[in-house]
C-alpha atoms as a PDB file:
ATOM      1  CA  MET A   1     -52.018  44.069   5.690  1.00  0.00           C
ATOM      2  CA  LEU A   2     -55.235  42.369   4.561  1.00  0.00           C
ATOM      3  CA  GLY A   3     -58.762  43.797   4.877  1.00  0.00           C
ATOM      4  CA  LYS A   4     -61.839  41.493   4.530  1.00  0.00           C
ATOM      5  CA  VAL A   5     -65.607  42.069   4.217  1.00  0.00           C
ATOM      6  CA  GLY A   6     -68.355  39.626   3.408  1.00  0.00           C
ATOM      7  CA  LEU A   7     -71.803  38.244   3.887  1.00  0.00           C
ATOM      8  CA  ARG A   8     -73.037  34.787   4.894  1.00  0.00           C
ATOM      9  CA  ALA A   9     -76.531  33.342   4.122  1.00  0.00           C
ATOM     10  CA  LEU A  10     -77.571  30.156   5.876  1.00  0.00           C
ATOM     11  CA  TYR A  11     -80.591  28.005   6.384  1.00  0.00           C
ATOM     12  CA  GLN A  12     -81.066  25.864   9.510  1.00  0.00           C
ATOM     13  CA  THR A  13     -83.285  22.802   9.310  1.00  0.00           C
ATOM     14  CA  ARG A  14     -83.724  19.318  10.781  1.00  0.00           C
ATOM     15  CA  ILE A  15     -83.701  16.032   9.028  1.00  0.00           C
ATOM     16  CA  LYS A  16     -84.974  13.363  11.394  1.00  0.00           C
ATOM     17  CA  GLU A  17     -82.810  13.988  14.549  1.00  0.00           C
ATOM     18  CA  VAL A  18     -79.924  15.842  12.775  1.00  0.00           C
ATOM     19  CA  SER A  19     -79.635  19.619  12.709  1.00  0.00           C
ATOM     20  CA  VAL A  20     -78.374  20.598   9.175  1.00  0.00           C
ATOM     21  CA  THR A  21     -77.106  23.974   8.160  1.00  0.00           C
ATOM     22  CA  PRO A  22     -76.107  24.688   4.502  1.00  0.00           C
ATOM     23  CA  TRP A  23     -74.548  28.144   3.898  1.00  0.00           C
ATOM     24  CA  VAL A  24     -72.921  30.305   1.259  1.00  0.00           C
ATOM     25  CA  ASP A  25     -70.369  33.124   1.751  1.00  0.00           C
ATOM     26  CA  VAL A  26     -69.605  36.011  -0.662  1.00  0.00           C
ATOM     27  CA  GLY A  27     -66.900  38.499   0.205  1.00  0.00           C
ATOM     28  CA  ALA A  28     -63.932  40.556  -0.895  1.00  0.00           C
ATOM     29  CA  GLU A  29     -60.347  40.781   0.383  1.00  0.00           C
ATOM     30  CA  ARG A  30     -57.994  43.762  -0.183  1.00  0.00           C
ATOM     31  CA  GLU A  31     -54.279  43.322   0.230  1.00  0.00           C
ATOM     32  CA  PHE A  32     -52.683  46.752   0.891  1.00  0.00           C
ATOM     33  CA  ILE A  33     -49.007  45.871   0.695  1.00  0.00           C
ATOM     34  CA  LYS A  34     -47.398  46.172  -2.705  1.00  0.00           C
ATOM     35  CA  ASN A  35     -44.036  44.938  -3.941  1.00  0.00           C
ATOM     36  CA  ASN A  36     -43.592  42.498  -1.062  1.00  0.00           C
ATOM     37  CA  ARG A  37     -39.995  41.301  -1.571  1.00  0.00           C
ATOM     38  CA  VAL A  38     -39.344  37.830  -0.248  1.00  0.00           C
ATOM     39  CA  ARG A  39     -35.883  36.282   0.292  1.00  0.00           C
ATOM     40  CA  ILE A  40     -35.341  32.575   0.978  1.00  0.00           C
ATOM     41  CA  ASN A  41     -32.104  31.242   2.533  1.00  0.00           C
ATOM     42  CA  GLN A  42     -30.312  34.567   1.948  1.00  0.00           C
ATOM     43  CA  ARG A  43     -29.984  33.479  -1.730  1.00  0.00           C
ATOM     44  CA  ASP A  44     -33.199  33.393  -3.665  1.00  0.00           C
ATOM     45  CA  SER A  45     -35.684  36.286  -3.783  1.00  0.00           C
ATOM     46  CA  PHE A  46     -38.937  37.071  -5.529  1.00  0.00           C
ATOM     47  CA  ASP A  47     -41.772  39.573  -5.468  1.00  0.00           C
ATOM     48  CA  ASN A  48     -44.793  38.262  -3.616  1.00  0.00           C
ATOM     49  CA  ASP A  49     -47.192  41.003  -4.855  1.00  0.00           C
ATOM     50  CA  LEU A  50     -50.772  40.007  -3.967  1.00  0.00           C
ATOM     51  CA  SER A  51     -52.052  43.590  -3.822  1.00  0.00           C
ATOM     52  CA  GLY A  52     -55.486  44.544  -4.960  1.00  0.00           C
ATOM     53  CA  ILE A  53     -59.030  43.262  -4.510  1.00  0.00           C
ATOM     54  CA  THR A  54     -59.872  39.542  -4.532  1.00  0.00           C
ATOM     55  CA  GLY A  55     -63.375  38.018  -4.701  1.00  0.00           C
ATOM     56  CA  VAL A  56     -63.991  35.187  -2.259  1.00  0.00           C
ATOM     57  CA  TYR A  57     -66.849  32.615  -2.597  1.00  0.00           C
ATOM     58  CA  SER A  58     -67.544  29.540  -0.613  1.00  0.00           C
ATOM     59  CA  LEU A  59     -70.254  26.942   0.145  1.00  0.00           C
ATOM     60  CA  GLY A  60     -70.537  24.754   3.255  1.00  0.00           C
ATOM     61  CA  LEU A  61     -72.633  22.307   5.082  1.00  0.00           C
ATOM     62  CA  SER A  62     -72.646  21.613   8.846  1.00  0.00           C
ATOM     63  CA  ALA A  63     -74.552  18.886  10.657  1.00  0.00           C
ATOM     64  CA  ASN A  64     -74.918  18.236  14.419  1.00  0.00           C
ATOM     65  CA  ILE A  65     -75.228  14.459  14.491  1.00  0.00           C
ATOM     66  CA  SER A  66     -75.359  14.270  18.277  1.00  0.00           C
ATOM     67  CA  GLN A  67     -74.993  16.618  21.250  1.00  0.00           C
ATOM     68  CA  THR A  68     -71.223  16.182  21.148  1.00  0.00           C
ATOM     69  CA  TRP A  69     -70.489  15.538  17.431  1.00  0.00           C
ATOM     70  CA  ASN A  70     -70.534  17.998  14.532  1.00  0.00           C
ATOM     71  CA  ILE A  71     -69.358  17.381  11.008  1.00  0.00           C
ATOM     72  CA  SER A  72     -68.805  20.028   8.363  1.00  0.00           C
ATOM     73  CA  ALA A  73     -67.428  20.553   4.877  1.00  0.00           C
ATOM     74  CA  THR A  74     -66.470  23.695   3.024  1.00  0.00           C
ATOM     75  CA  ALA A  75     -65.398  24.392  -0.580  1.00  0.00           C
ATOM     76  CA  GLY A  76     -64.461  27.787  -1.974  1.00  0.00           C
ATOM     77  CA  TYR A  77     -63.013  29.864  -4.818  1.00  0.00           C
ATOM     78  CA  LYS A  78     -60.831  33.013  -4.717  1.00  0.00           C
ATOM     79  CA  LYS A  79     -60.013  35.205  -7.740  1.00  0.00           C
ATOM     80  CA  GLY A  80     -58.036  38.438  -8.026  1.00  0.00           C
ATOM     81  CA  LYS A  81     -55.534  40.171 -10.298  1.00  0.00           C
ATOM     82  CA  HIS A  82     -52.537  38.340  -8.714  1.00  0.00           C
ATOM     83  CA  ILE A  83     -54.215  35.201  -7.295  1.00  0.00           C
ATOM     84  CA  GLU A  84     -56.612  32.391  -8.158  1.00  0.00           C
ATOM     85  CA  SER A  85     -57.416  29.586  -5.798  1.00  0.00           C
ATOM     86  CA  PRO A  86     -60.039  27.109  -7.103  1.00  0.00           C
ATOM     87  CA  GLY A  87     -61.331  24.445  -4.742  1.00  0.00           C
ATOM     88  CA  MET A  88     -60.026  25.510  -1.311  1.00  0.00           C
ATOM     89  CA  PRO A  89     -61.599  22.513   0.563  1.00  0.00           C
ATOM     90  CA  HIS A  90     -61.607  22.595   4.395  1.00  0.00           C
END
């Protein structure tokens, strides 16, 4: 079971006819399940313990280039006791 909390700060502006919104997210995730035993093909098993608190950070940019088209990009970073995920592009 995973709990999440966070904040997003954004700024909306226009560049010529394009609506542009850069943003930043800062948050935390808490995995409550400990000692999560995983078994693959009834043969191999391992402990998938991701319990604890993880810091989550991301930056993004969204642009409405027309009434029907929107483009966006996101990159992030996640770090905790049992996990680290640099990059995380979307």
